[in-house]
C-alpha cells in the first residue's frame, strides 16, 4: 500500500507542477506590463512603427482579449488574418485555464489519497520525482530553443495550431511587428524563471516545515 501511495503522491506532485506552469503561462500572457517591458527591450515601439501610446493601447487590448474579453479587440487595427489567429490563441488560453483547474483538482485528490496510503512516507523525494517528471522533458525543449529558437518556435506552432494563420508577414501584419520572434524568446524566458520559482517553492516549503519541526 505504501508503494501505491508514494506513486500516487509522485503523480499528484506532477499534476500540481503542471498546473503551476499553466498558471504562470496564463498570468504572463494576460499581463500587458510584461508585454511592454519586453517590447521596449526589443526596440519597440519605434521598430513596430507605432507610438508609445498606441503600443500600450494595443498591449492592453491583446492582454484583455486573452483574459477572456472577446470584445477587447473590437476597433483594433489588426487585419482579418491577425484577428483569426488571435481567436485561435484565445482558444488555447481557454483550454489552458480549463486544464489548469482540472490539474489542481487532480493534484489535490491524488496527493490526499497518496498521503493516506503511504502515511506521509518519503513525501519530499516523491515531490522531487514529480518535479523531475515535468522539468526534464521541458528542459530538453528549452535547450533546443536556446540553440535554435526559430526551429523550436516553428515546431511549437505547428503542434498547437491546425492552420497556418500564425505565419504572419511583418510587411503587412502589425501583430508580428508588435510581437516579433525575439519578443517570444524573451517571453519564454520570463515564463521559465517564474514557473521554476513557483515549483521550487513547493519542495523548499516541505523541507522548511520538516526542518522547523526539529526546533519545536
N, C-alpha and C. Protein backbone atom coordinates (compact mmCIF):
# COMPACT_ATOMS: atom_id res chain seq x y z
N UNK A 1 0.82 -1.22 0.00
CA UNK A 1 0.00 0.00 0.00
C UNK A 1 0.86 1.27 0.00
N UNK A 2 1.99 1.20 0.74
CA UNK A 2 2.86 2.37 0.79
C UNK A 2 3.41 2.72 -0.59
N UNK A 3 3.78 1.68 -1.36
CA UNK A 3 4.33 1.93 -2.69
C UNK A 3 3.30 2.59 -3.59
N UNK A 4 2.06 2.10 -3.51
CA UNK A 4 0.99 2.71 -4.30
C UNK A 4 0.78 4.16 -3.85
N UNK A 5 0.84 4.37 -2.55
CA UNK A 5 0.67 5.72 -2.03
C UNK A 5 1.75 6.67 -2.51
N UNK A 6 2.99 6.19 -2.50
CA UNK A 6 4.09 7.03 -2.97
C UNK A 6 3.96 7.32 -4.46
N UNK A 7 3.51 6.32 -5.23
CA UNK A 7 3.32 6.53 -6.67
C UNK A 7 2.23 7.58 -6.91
N UNK A 8 1.15 7.51 -6.15
CA UNK A 8 0.08 8.50 -6.29
C UNK A 8 0.58 9.89 -5.90
N UNK A 9 1.43 9.96 -4.88
CA UNK A 9 1.99 11.25 -4.47
C UNK A 9 2.85 11.84 -5.59
N UNK A 10 3.70 11.01 -6.19
CA UNK A 10 4.55 11.49 -7.28
C UNK A 10 3.71 12.02 -8.44
N UNK A 11 2.64 11.27 -8.77
CA UNK A 11 1.75 11.71 -9.85
C UNK A 11 1.02 12.99 -9.46
N UNK A 12 0.61 13.06 -8.21
CA UNK A 12 -0.06 14.26 -7.73
C UNK A 12 0.83 15.49 -7.78
N UNK A 13 2.09 15.31 -7.41
CA UNK A 13 3.03 16.43 -7.49
C UNK A 13 3.22 16.86 -8.95
N UNK A 14 3.32 15.90 -9.86
CA UNK A 14 3.46 16.25 -11.29
C UNK A 14 2.27 17.07 -11.76
N UNK A 15 1.07 16.68 -11.34
CA UNK A 15 -0.12 17.44 -11.71
C UNK A 15 -0.07 18.86 -11.14
N UNK A 16 0.39 18.97 -9.90
CA UNK A 16 0.47 20.29 -9.26
C UNK A 16 1.47 21.17 -10.00
N UNK A 17 2.63 20.64 -10.32
CA UNK A 17 3.65 21.43 -11.00
C UNK A 17 3.20 21.82 -12.41
N UNK A 18 2.50 20.92 -13.10
CA UNK A 18 1.98 21.26 -14.42
C UNK A 18 0.93 22.37 -14.31
N UNK A 19 0.11 22.30 -13.26
CA UNK A 19 -0.89 23.35 -13.05
C UNK A 19 -0.22 24.68 -12.77
N UNK A 20 0.85 24.67 -11.99
CA UNK A 20 1.58 25.91 -11.70
C UNK A 20 2.18 26.50 -12.97
N UNK A 21 2.70 25.63 -13.84
CA UNK A 21 3.26 26.10 -15.10
C UNK A 21 2.19 26.78 -15.94
N UNK A 22 1.03 26.14 -16.07
CA UNK A 22 -0.05 26.74 -16.86
C UNK A 22 -0.55 28.03 -16.22
N UNK A 23 -0.55 28.06 -14.89
CA UNK A 23 -0.95 29.28 -14.19
C UNK A 23 -0.04 30.44 -14.55
N UNK A 24 1.26 30.17 -14.61
CA UNK A 24 2.23 31.21 -14.96
C UNK A 24 2.06 31.63 -16.43
N UNK A 25 1.86 30.65 -17.32
CA UNK A 25 1.66 30.97 -18.74
C UNK A 25 0.47 31.91 -18.92
N UNK A 26 -0.65 31.56 -18.28
CA UNK A 26 -1.86 32.38 -18.41
C UNK A 26 -1.65 33.76 -17.77
N UNK A 27 -1.00 33.78 -16.61
CA UNK A 27 -0.76 35.04 -15.92
C UNK A 27 0.12 35.97 -16.75
N UNK A 28 1.19 35.44 -17.31
CA UNK A 28 2.09 36.27 -18.13
C UNK A 28 1.43 36.69 -19.44
N UNK A 29 0.67 35.78 -20.03
CA UNK A 29 0.03 36.06 -21.31
C UNK A 29 -1.08 37.09 -21.22
N UNK A 30 -1.55 37.38 -20.03
CA UNK A 30 -2.62 38.36 -19.85
C UNK A 30 -2.13 39.59 -19.09
N UNK A 31 -0.80 39.78 -19.08
CA UNK A 31 -0.20 40.90 -18.36
C UNK A 31 0.43 41.86 -19.37
N UNK A 32 -0.24 42.96 -19.66
CA UNK A 32 0.28 43.89 -20.66
C UNK A 32 1.55 44.59 -20.19
N UNK A 33 1.80 44.61 -18.87
CA UNK A 33 3.02 45.19 -18.36
C UNK A 33 4.24 44.41 -18.81
N UNK A 34 4.13 43.08 -18.84
CA UNK A 34 5.22 42.24 -19.33
C UNK A 34 5.42 42.47 -20.82
N UNK A 35 4.32 42.58 -21.56
CA UNK A 35 4.42 42.88 -22.99
C UNK A 35 5.28 44.13 -23.20
N UNK A 36 4.90 45.19 -22.48
CA UNK A 36 5.54 46.49 -22.68
C UNK A 36 7.03 46.42 -22.31
N UNK A 37 7.34 45.77 -21.22
CA UNK A 37 8.73 45.67 -20.78
C UNK A 37 9.59 44.96 -21.83
N UNK A 38 9.09 43.85 -22.36
CA UNK A 38 9.86 43.09 -23.34
C UNK A 38 9.91 43.81 -24.69
N UNK A 39 8.85 44.49 -25.04
CA UNK A 39 8.84 45.23 -26.30
C UNK A 39 9.86 46.36 -26.27
N UNK A 40 9.92 47.08 -25.18
CA UNK A 40 10.87 48.17 -25.06
C UNK A 40 12.30 47.64 -25.10
N UNK A 41 12.53 46.44 -24.56
CA UNK A 41 13.85 45.82 -24.62
C UNK A 41 14.23 45.43 -26.04
N UNK A 42 13.21 45.29 -26.91
CA UNK A 42 13.45 44.91 -28.31
C UNK A 42 13.31 46.09 -29.27
N UNK A 43 13.41 47.29 -28.73
CA UNK A 43 13.42 48.47 -29.60
C UNK A 43 12.07 48.98 -30.02
N UNK A 44 11.02 48.49 -29.40
CA UNK A 44 9.69 48.98 -29.73
C UNK A 44 9.37 50.16 -28.79
N UNK A 45 8.49 51.06 -29.19
CA UNK A 45 7.56 50.96 -30.34
C UNK A 45 8.15 51.40 -31.68
N UNK A 46 9.35 51.99 -31.68
CA UNK A 46 9.89 52.52 -32.93
C UNK A 46 9.99 51.44 -34.01
N UNK A 47 10.46 50.25 -33.65
CA UNK A 47 10.64 49.18 -34.63
C UNK A 47 9.31 48.72 -35.21
N UNK A 48 8.22 48.91 -34.48
CA UNK A 48 6.91 48.49 -34.98
C UNK A 48 6.22 49.60 -35.77
N UNK A 49 6.79 50.81 -35.73
CA UNK A 49 6.19 51.91 -36.47
C UNK A 49 4.94 52.47 -35.82
N UNK A 50 4.86 52.36 -34.48
CA UNK A 50 3.72 52.92 -33.76
C UNK A 50 4.24 53.82 -32.64
N UNK A 51 3.35 54.62 -32.08
CA UNK A 51 3.73 55.48 -30.96
C UNK A 51 3.69 54.68 -29.66
N UNK A 52 4.30 55.24 -28.63
CA UNK A 52 4.28 54.59 -27.32
C UNK A 52 2.84 54.41 -26.83
N UNK A 53 2.04 55.44 -27.02
CA UNK A 53 0.65 55.38 -26.57
C UNK A 53 -0.14 54.29 -27.31
N UNK A 54 0.10 54.20 -28.63
CA UNK A 54 -0.60 53.20 -29.43
C UNK A 54 -0.15 51.79 -29.03
N UNK A 55 1.14 51.62 -28.80
CA UNK A 55 1.64 50.31 -28.38
C UNK A 55 1.01 49.89 -27.06
N UNK A 56 0.96 50.80 -26.11
CA UNK A 56 0.38 50.47 -24.80
C UNK A 56 -1.11 50.16 -24.93
N UNK A 57 -1.79 50.91 -25.81
CA UNK A 57 -3.23 50.65 -26.02
C UNK A 57 -3.45 49.27 -26.62
N UNK A 58 -2.63 48.90 -27.61
CA UNK A 58 -2.76 47.60 -28.25
C UNK A 58 -2.37 46.47 -27.30
N UNK A 59 -1.35 46.70 -26.47
CA UNK A 59 -0.97 45.69 -25.48
C UNK A 59 -2.13 45.41 -24.53
N UNK A 60 -2.79 46.48 -24.09
CA UNK A 60 -3.93 46.31 -23.19
C UNK A 60 -5.06 45.55 -23.86
N UNK A 61 -5.28 45.81 -25.14
CA UNK A 61 -6.33 45.11 -25.88
C UNK A 61 -6.01 43.62 -26.02
N UNK A 62 -4.76 43.31 -26.35
CA UNK A 62 -4.35 41.91 -26.51
C UNK A 62 -4.44 41.16 -25.19
N UNK A 63 -3.93 41.78 -24.12
CA UNK A 63 -3.96 41.12 -22.81
C UNK A 63 -5.40 40.92 -22.34
N UNK A 64 -6.23 41.93 -22.56
CA UNK A 64 -7.63 41.81 -22.16
C UNK A 64 -8.35 40.72 -22.93
N UNK A 65 -8.05 40.64 -24.22
CA UNK A 65 -8.67 39.61 -25.07
C UNK A 65 -8.30 38.22 -24.59
N UNK A 66 -7.02 38.00 -24.30
CA UNK A 66 -6.58 36.67 -23.85
C UNK A 66 -7.06 36.37 -22.44
N UNK A 67 -7.44 37.40 -21.70
CA UNK A 67 -8.01 37.19 -20.37
C UNK A 67 -9.47 36.76 -20.45
N UNK A 68 -10.04 36.85 -21.65
CA UNK A 68 -11.42 36.38 -21.83
C UNK A 68 -12.40 37.41 -22.33
N UNK A 69 -11.96 38.66 -22.52
CA UNK A 69 -12.84 39.70 -23.03
C UNK A 69 -12.83 39.65 -24.56
N UNK A 70 -13.79 38.96 -25.14
CA UNK A 70 -13.80 38.75 -26.59
C UNK A 70 -14.06 40.02 -27.37
N UNK A 71 -14.52 41.07 -26.70
CA UNK A 71 -14.76 42.34 -27.39
C UNK A 71 -13.55 43.27 -27.30
N UNK A 72 -12.49 42.82 -26.65
CA UNK A 72 -11.35 43.70 -26.39
C UNK A 72 -10.66 44.16 -27.67
N UNK A 73 -10.71 43.35 -28.73
CA UNK A 73 -10.04 43.72 -29.98
C UNK A 73 -10.95 44.44 -30.96
N UNK A 74 -12.18 44.71 -30.55
CA UNK A 74 -13.09 45.48 -31.42
C UNK A 74 -12.50 46.87 -31.66
N UNK A 75 -12.43 47.25 -32.92
CA UNK A 75 -11.89 48.56 -33.26
C UNK A 75 -10.37 48.58 -33.32
N UNK A 76 -9.73 47.42 -33.23
CA UNK A 76 -8.27 47.37 -33.31
C UNK A 76 -7.83 47.49 -34.78
N UNK A 77 -6.57 47.84 -35.03
CA UNK A 77 -6.09 47.97 -36.41
C UNK A 77 -5.64 46.64 -37.03
N UNK A 78 -5.82 45.53 -36.32
CA UNK A 78 -5.39 44.25 -36.84
C UNK A 78 -6.29 43.79 -37.99
N UNK A 79 -5.68 43.15 -38.99
CA UNK A 79 -6.45 42.69 -40.13
C UNK A 79 -7.15 41.36 -39.81
N UNK A 80 -7.93 40.85 -40.76
CA UNK A 80 -8.75 39.66 -40.51
C UNK A 80 -7.91 38.43 -40.21
N UNK A 81 -6.77 38.29 -40.89
CA UNK A 81 -5.91 37.14 -40.64
C UNK A 81 -5.37 37.19 -39.21
N UNK A 82 -4.95 38.36 -38.79
CA UNK A 82 -4.43 38.52 -37.42
C UNK A 82 -5.52 38.23 -36.39
N UNK A 83 -6.71 38.72 -36.64
CA UNK A 83 -7.82 38.50 -35.70
C UNK A 83 -8.19 37.02 -35.65
N UNK A 84 -8.14 36.35 -36.81
CA UNK A 84 -8.44 34.92 -36.83
C UNK A 84 -7.40 34.15 -36.03
N UNK A 85 -6.14 34.54 -36.17
CA UNK A 85 -5.09 33.89 -35.40
C UNK A 85 -5.29 34.14 -33.90
N UNK A 86 -5.66 35.34 -33.54
CA UNK A 86 -5.89 35.64 -32.13
C UNK A 86 -7.06 34.84 -31.57
N UNK A 87 -8.05 34.54 -32.40
CA UNK A 87 -9.15 33.68 -31.93
C UNK A 87 -8.61 32.28 -31.62
N UNK A 88 -7.68 31.81 -32.44
CA UNK A 88 -7.04 30.51 -32.16
C UNK A 88 -6.25 30.57 -30.85
N UNK A 89 -5.54 31.67 -30.65
CA UNK A 89 -4.74 31.82 -29.43
C UNK A 89 -5.65 31.87 -28.20
N UNK A 90 -6.76 32.59 -28.32
CA UNK A 90 -7.72 32.64 -27.21
C UNK A 90 -8.24 31.25 -26.88
N UNK A 91 -8.49 30.45 -27.91
CA UNK A 91 -8.93 29.08 -27.67
C UNK A 91 -7.91 28.29 -26.87
N UNK A 92 -6.63 28.50 -27.15
CA UNK A 92 -5.58 27.83 -26.40
C UNK A 92 -5.53 28.31 -24.96
N UNK A 93 -5.72 29.60 -24.75
CA UNK A 93 -5.72 30.13 -23.39
C UNK A 93 -6.93 29.62 -22.60
N UNK A 94 -8.08 29.54 -23.25
CA UNK A 94 -9.25 28.97 -22.58
C UNK A 94 -9.00 27.51 -22.19
N UNK A 95 -8.38 26.76 -23.10
CA UNK A 95 -8.03 25.37 -22.82
C UNK A 95 -7.02 25.30 -21.68
N UNK A 96 -6.03 26.18 -21.69
CA UNK A 96 -5.02 26.20 -20.63
C UNK A 96 -5.66 26.46 -19.28
N UNK A 97 -6.62 27.37 -19.22
CA UNK A 97 -7.31 27.66 -17.96
C UNK A 97 -8.10 26.45 -17.47
N UNK A 98 -8.78 25.77 -18.40
CA UNK A 98 -9.57 24.60 -18.03
C UNK A 98 -8.67 23.46 -17.54
N UNK A 99 -7.58 23.22 -18.27
CA UNK A 99 -6.65 22.15 -17.88
C UNK A 99 -5.99 22.48 -16.56
N UNK A 100 -5.61 23.74 -16.38
CA UNK A 100 -5.00 24.18 -15.11
C UNK A 100 -5.92 23.86 -13.93
N UNK A 101 -7.18 24.21 -14.05
CA UNK A 101 -8.13 23.96 -12.97
C UNK A 101 -8.30 22.47 -12.71
N UNK A 102 -8.39 21.68 -13.80
CA UNK A 102 -8.54 20.23 -13.65
C UNK A 102 -7.31 19.63 -12.99
N UNK A 103 -6.13 20.13 -13.33
CA UNK A 103 -4.90 19.61 -12.74
C UNK A 103 -4.80 19.94 -11.26
N UNK A 104 -5.25 21.10 -10.86
CA UNK A 104 -5.25 21.44 -9.44
C UNK A 104 -6.15 20.48 -8.65
N UNK A 105 -7.32 20.18 -9.22
CA UNK A 105 -8.23 19.24 -8.56
C UNK A 105 -7.62 17.85 -8.52
N UNK A 106 -7.06 17.40 -9.65
CA UNK A 106 -6.43 16.08 -9.70
C UNK A 106 -5.28 15.99 -8.71
N UNK A 107 -4.49 17.06 -8.61
CA UNK A 107 -3.36 17.07 -7.67
C UNK A 107 -3.84 16.92 -6.24
N UNK A 108 -4.90 17.63 -5.89
CA UNK A 108 -5.43 17.55 -4.54
C UNK A 108 -5.92 16.14 -4.21
N UNK A 109 -6.64 15.53 -5.15
CA UNK A 109 -7.18 14.18 -4.93
C UNK A 109 -6.05 13.16 -4.83
N UNK A 110 -5.12 13.22 -5.78
CA UNK A 110 -4.02 12.25 -5.81
C UNK A 110 -3.12 12.38 -4.58
N UNK A 111 -2.82 13.60 -4.18
CA UNK A 111 -1.96 13.80 -3.02
C UNK A 111 -2.64 13.35 -1.73
N UNK A 112 -3.94 13.65 -1.63
CA UNK A 112 -4.68 13.21 -0.44
C UNK A 112 -4.70 11.69 -0.35
N UNK A 113 -4.99 11.02 -1.47
CA UNK A 113 -5.02 9.56 -1.47
C UNK A 113 -3.62 8.99 -1.24
N UNK A 114 -2.62 9.60 -1.88
CA UNK A 114 -1.26 9.11 -1.74
C UNK A 114 -0.73 9.26 -0.33
N UNK A 115 -1.00 10.39 0.29
CA UNK A 115 -0.53 10.61 1.66
C UNK A 115 -1.22 9.67 2.64
N UNK A 116 -2.50 9.39 2.37
CA UNK A 116 -3.23 8.48 3.26
C UNK A 116 -2.69 7.05 3.13
N UNK A 117 -2.45 6.60 1.90
CA UNK A 117 -1.96 5.24 1.69
C UNK A 117 -0.51 5.07 2.15
N UNK A 118 0.29 6.09 1.94
CA UNK A 118 1.72 5.97 2.30
C UNK A 118 2.02 6.46 3.70
N UNK A 119 1.00 7.05 4.33
CA UNK A 119 1.17 7.62 5.68
C UNK A 119 2.26 8.69 5.70
N UNK A 120 2.37 9.41 4.60
CA UNK A 120 3.33 10.50 4.53
C UNK A 120 4.76 10.09 4.30
N UNK A 121 4.98 8.83 3.95
CA UNK A 121 6.35 8.33 3.77
C UNK A 121 6.99 8.93 2.53
N UNK A 122 8.25 9.35 2.66
CA UNK A 122 9.07 9.84 1.55
C UNK A 122 8.36 10.94 0.74
N UNK A 123 7.76 11.86 1.47
CA UNK A 123 6.99 12.92 0.82
C UNK A 123 7.91 13.81 -0.03
N UNK A 124 9.04 14.23 0.53
CA UNK A 124 9.94 15.11 -0.21
C UNK A 124 10.56 14.43 -1.43
N UNK A 125 11.06 13.18 -1.31
CA UNK A 125 11.58 12.51 -2.52
C UNK A 125 10.53 12.36 -3.62
N UNK A 126 9.28 12.05 -3.24
CA UNK A 126 8.22 11.93 -4.24
C UNK A 126 7.94 13.28 -4.90
N UNK A 127 8.09 14.36 -4.11
CA UNK A 127 7.90 15.69 -4.67
C UNK A 127 8.96 15.97 -5.74
N UNK A 128 10.20 15.60 -5.46
CA UNK A 128 11.27 15.82 -6.44
C UNK A 128 11.09 14.93 -7.67
N UNK A 129 10.59 13.72 -7.49
CA UNK A 129 10.32 12.84 -8.63
C UNK A 129 9.23 13.45 -9.51
N UNK A 130 8.17 13.94 -8.88
CA UNK A 130 7.10 14.59 -9.64
C UNK A 130 7.60 15.82 -10.37
N UNK A 131 8.50 16.58 -9.73
CA UNK A 131 9.07 17.76 -10.37
C UNK A 131 9.94 17.37 -11.56
N UNK A 132 10.77 16.35 -11.37
CA UNK A 132 11.67 15.91 -12.45
C UNK A 132 10.89 15.40 -13.65
N UNK A 133 9.76 14.71 -13.40
CA UNK A 133 8.96 14.16 -14.49
C UNK A 133 8.45 15.25 -15.43
N UNK A 134 8.27 16.45 -14.90
CA UNK A 134 7.80 17.56 -15.73
C UNK A 134 8.96 18.39 -16.27
N UNK A 135 9.92 18.67 -15.41
CA UNK A 135 11.00 19.60 -15.77
C UNK A 135 11.98 19.00 -16.78
N UNK A 136 12.28 17.71 -16.68
CA UNK A 136 13.29 17.12 -17.57
C UNK A 136 12.89 17.21 -19.05
N UNK A 137 11.68 16.79 -19.45
CA UNK A 137 11.32 16.95 -20.87
C UNK A 137 11.23 18.41 -21.29
N UNK A 138 10.76 19.27 -20.39
CA UNK A 138 10.72 20.69 -20.72
C UNK A 138 12.12 21.26 -20.84
N UNK A 139 13.04 20.72 -20.02
CA UNK A 139 14.43 21.16 -20.10
C UNK A 139 15.06 20.82 -21.43
N UNK A 140 14.73 19.65 -21.97
CA UNK A 140 15.24 19.26 -23.28
C UNK A 140 14.74 20.24 -24.35
N UNK A 141 13.45 20.57 -24.28
CA UNK A 141 12.90 21.54 -25.24
C UNK A 141 13.55 22.90 -25.06
N UNK A 142 13.82 23.29 -23.81
CA UNK A 142 14.44 24.58 -23.54
C UNK A 142 15.84 24.64 -24.12
N UNK A 143 16.58 23.54 -24.03
CA UNK A 143 17.93 23.50 -24.61
C UNK A 143 17.87 23.64 -26.13
N UNK A 144 16.89 22.98 -26.73
CA UNK A 144 16.70 23.10 -28.17
C UNK A 144 16.38 24.54 -28.54
N UNK A 145 15.47 25.15 -27.78
CA UNK A 145 15.09 26.53 -28.06
C UNK A 145 16.27 27.48 -27.88
N UNK A 146 17.12 27.21 -26.88
CA UNK A 146 18.28 28.06 -26.66
C UNK A 146 19.27 27.95 -27.82
N UNK A 147 19.36 26.74 -28.40
CA UNK A 147 20.30 26.53 -29.50
C UNK A 147 19.74 27.02 -30.84
N UNK A 148 18.44 26.86 -31.04
CA UNK A 148 17.81 27.25 -32.31
C UNK A 148 16.35 27.61 -32.04
N UNK A 149 16.15 28.84 -31.58
CA UNK A 149 14.80 29.24 -31.17
C UNK A 149 13.83 29.22 -32.35
N UNK A 150 14.27 29.64 -33.50
CA UNK A 150 13.38 29.71 -34.66
C UNK A 150 12.80 28.34 -35.00
N UNK A 151 13.65 27.31 -34.96
CA UNK A 151 13.19 25.95 -35.26
C UNK A 151 12.20 25.47 -34.19
N UNK A 152 12.55 25.67 -32.92
CA UNK A 152 11.66 25.25 -31.83
C UNK A 152 10.35 26.02 -31.88
N UNK A 153 10.43 27.30 -32.20
CA UNK A 153 9.25 28.16 -32.29
C UNK A 153 8.31 27.67 -33.39
N UNK A 154 8.90 27.25 -34.52
CA UNK A 154 8.10 26.75 -35.64
C UNK A 154 7.39 25.44 -35.26
N UNK A 155 8.13 24.50 -34.68
CA UNK A 155 7.54 23.22 -34.28
C UNK A 155 6.46 23.43 -33.22
N UNK A 156 6.70 24.35 -32.30
CA UNK A 156 5.73 24.68 -31.26
C UNK A 156 4.40 25.12 -31.89
N UNK A 157 4.48 25.99 -32.88
CA UNK A 157 3.27 26.48 -33.54
C UNK A 157 2.61 25.40 -34.40
N UNK A 158 3.42 24.62 -35.09
CA UNK A 158 2.86 23.56 -35.92
C UNK A 158 2.15 22.50 -35.07
N UNK A 159 2.60 22.33 -33.83
CA UNK A 159 1.98 21.36 -32.93
C UNK A 159 0.67 21.88 -32.36
N UNK A 160 0.65 23.16 -32.03
CA UNK A 160 -0.52 23.73 -31.35
C UNK A 160 -1.62 24.20 -32.30
N UNK A 161 -1.25 24.58 -33.52
CA UNK A 161 -2.24 25.13 -34.44
C UNK A 161 -2.46 24.20 -35.64
N UNK A 162 -3.71 24.15 -36.08
CA UNK A 162 -4.07 23.26 -37.19
C UNK A 162 -4.13 24.02 -38.52
N UNK A 163 -3.72 25.29 -38.51
CA UNK A 163 -3.72 26.09 -39.73
C UNK A 163 -2.41 26.89 -39.78
N UNK A 164 -2.25 27.70 -40.83
CA UNK A 164 -1.03 28.49 -40.99
C UNK A 164 -1.26 29.98 -40.76
N UNK A 165 -2.30 30.30 -40.01
CA UNK A 165 -2.60 31.70 -39.73
C UNK A 165 -1.49 32.36 -38.91
N UNK A 166 -0.71 31.56 -38.20
CA UNK A 166 0.37 32.10 -37.38
C UNK A 166 1.55 32.57 -38.24
N UNK A 167 1.56 32.20 -39.52
CA UNK A 167 2.64 32.63 -40.42
C UNK A 167 2.33 34.04 -40.91
N UNK A 168 2.71 35.01 -40.11
CA UNK A 168 2.41 36.41 -40.42
C UNK A 168 3.59 37.07 -41.13
N UNK A 169 3.30 38.18 -41.80
CA UNK A 169 4.29 38.92 -42.56
C UNK A 169 4.47 40.30 -41.93
N UNK A 170 5.70 40.63 -41.50
CA UNK A 170 5.90 41.94 -40.85
C UNK A 170 5.58 43.11 -41.77
N UNK A 171 5.58 42.87 -43.08
CA UNK A 171 5.28 43.95 -44.02
C UNK A 171 3.79 44.32 -44.01
N UNK A 172 2.96 43.34 -43.71
CA UNK A 172 1.51 43.57 -43.78
C UNK A 172 0.79 43.37 -42.45
N UNK A 173 1.45 42.72 -41.49
CA UNK A 173 0.77 42.34 -40.25
C UNK A 173 1.39 43.05 -39.04
N UNK A 174 0.62 43.98 -38.49
CA UNK A 174 1.08 44.75 -37.33
C UNK A 174 1.37 43.86 -36.14
N UNK A 175 0.60 42.79 -36.00
CA UNK A 175 0.75 41.91 -34.84
C UNK A 175 2.18 41.35 -34.75
N UNK A 176 2.75 40.99 -35.87
CA UNK A 176 4.10 40.45 -35.88
C UNK A 176 5.14 41.53 -35.60
N UNK A 177 4.88 42.75 -36.05
CA UNK A 177 5.80 43.85 -35.74
C UNK A 177 5.72 44.20 -34.26
N UNK A 178 4.54 44.05 -33.70
CA UNK A 178 4.33 44.37 -32.28
C UNK A 178 4.90 43.27 -31.38
N UNK A 179 4.81 42.02 -31.86
CA UNK A 179 5.29 40.87 -31.09
C UNK A 179 6.25 40.04 -31.96
N UNK A 180 7.47 40.52 -32.16
CA UNK A 180 8.42 39.80 -33.02
C UNK A 180 8.92 38.53 -32.36
N UNK A 181 9.64 37.72 -33.13
CA UNK A 181 10.11 36.44 -32.62
C UNK A 181 10.97 36.59 -31.37
N UNK A 182 11.84 37.59 -31.35
CA UNK A 182 12.70 37.77 -30.18
C UNK A 182 11.88 38.09 -28.93
N UNK A 183 10.75 38.76 -29.13
CA UNK A 183 9.84 39.01 -28.00
C UNK A 183 9.42 37.69 -27.38
N UNK A 184 9.07 36.71 -28.21
CA UNK A 184 8.61 35.43 -27.69
C UNK A 184 9.75 34.65 -27.04
N UNK A 185 10.97 34.82 -27.55
CA UNK A 185 12.11 34.17 -26.91
C UNK A 185 12.29 34.72 -25.49
N UNK A 186 12.20 36.04 -25.37
CA UNK A 186 12.32 36.66 -24.05
C UNK A 186 11.13 36.31 -23.16
N UNK A 187 9.96 36.23 -23.78
CA UNK A 187 8.73 35.90 -23.05
C UNK A 187 8.83 34.48 -22.47
N UNK A 188 9.38 33.56 -23.26
CA UNK A 188 9.56 32.19 -22.77
C UNK A 188 10.52 32.16 -21.59
N UNK A 189 11.54 33.02 -21.63
CA UNK A 189 12.47 33.09 -20.51
C UNK A 189 11.80 33.58 -19.24
N UNK A 190 10.93 34.57 -19.37
CA UNK A 190 10.19 35.08 -18.21
C UNK A 190 9.32 33.97 -17.62
N UNK A 191 8.61 33.24 -18.48
CA UNK A 191 7.76 32.15 -18.01
C UNK A 191 8.59 31.09 -17.30
N UNK A 192 9.73 30.72 -17.89
CA UNK A 192 10.58 29.68 -17.30
C UNK A 192 11.06 30.07 -15.91
N UNK A 193 11.53 31.30 -15.76
CA UNK A 193 12.04 31.76 -14.46
C UNK A 193 10.93 31.79 -13.42
N UNK A 194 9.78 32.33 -13.78
CA UNK A 194 8.68 32.43 -12.82
C UNK A 194 8.12 31.05 -12.46
N UNK A 195 7.99 30.19 -13.46
CA UNK A 195 7.46 28.85 -13.19
C UNK A 195 8.40 28.06 -12.28
N UNK A 196 9.70 28.14 -12.54
CA UNK A 196 10.66 27.43 -11.71
C UNK A 196 10.63 27.95 -10.27
N UNK A 197 10.44 29.26 -10.13
CA UNK A 197 10.37 29.84 -8.78
C UNK A 197 9.18 29.27 -8.01
N UNK A 198 8.03 29.18 -8.66
CA UNK A 198 6.85 28.62 -8.02
C UNK A 198 7.06 27.13 -7.70
N UNK A 199 7.60 26.40 -8.66
CA UNK A 199 7.78 24.97 -8.47
C UNK A 199 8.76 24.65 -7.35
N UNK A 200 9.90 25.34 -7.35
CA UNK A 200 10.92 25.07 -6.33
C UNK A 200 10.46 25.50 -4.95
N UNK A 201 9.51 26.43 -4.90
CA UNK A 201 9.00 26.86 -3.60
C UNK A 201 8.29 25.72 -2.87
N UNK A 202 7.74 24.77 -3.64
CA UNK A 202 6.99 23.67 -3.01
C UNK A 202 7.91 22.74 -2.21
N UNK A 203 8.95 22.13 -2.82
CA UNK A 203 9.84 21.29 -2.02
C UNK A 203 10.57 22.07 -0.93
N UNK A 204 10.88 23.34 -1.19
CA UNK A 204 11.54 24.15 -0.16
C UNK A 204 10.61 24.34 1.03
N UNK A 205 9.31 24.53 0.76
CA UNK A 205 8.35 24.68 1.86
C UNK A 205 8.24 23.39 2.67
N UNK A 206 8.21 22.25 1.97
CA UNK A 206 8.14 20.96 2.68
C UNK A 206 9.38 20.77 3.54
N UNK A 207 10.55 21.06 2.97
CA UNK A 207 11.79 20.93 3.73
C UNK A 207 11.79 21.88 4.93
N UNK A 208 11.32 23.11 4.71
CA UNK A 208 11.30 24.08 5.80
C UNK A 208 10.41 23.65 6.94
N UNK A 209 9.24 23.09 6.61
CA UNK A 209 8.33 22.62 7.66
C UNK A 209 8.95 21.47 8.43
N UNK A 210 9.53 20.52 7.72
CA UNK A 210 10.11 19.35 8.38
C UNK A 210 11.34 19.73 9.20
N UNK A 211 12.16 20.63 8.66
CA UNK A 211 13.35 21.06 9.38
C UNK A 211 12.96 21.87 10.61
N UNK A 212 11.92 22.71 10.43
CA UNK A 212 11.48 23.55 11.55
C UNK A 212 10.93 22.77 12.72
N UNK A 213 10.36 21.58 12.42
CA UNK A 213 9.79 20.77 13.50
C UNK A 213 10.84 20.32 14.50
N UNK A 214 12.09 20.28 14.07
CA UNK A 214 13.16 19.84 14.98
C UNK A 214 13.38 20.83 16.11
N UNK A 215 12.92 22.05 15.92
CA UNK A 215 13.15 23.08 16.94
C UNK A 215 11.89 23.40 17.73
N UNK A 216 10.84 22.62 17.47
CA UNK A 216 9.58 22.84 18.22
C UNK A 216 9.51 21.91 19.42
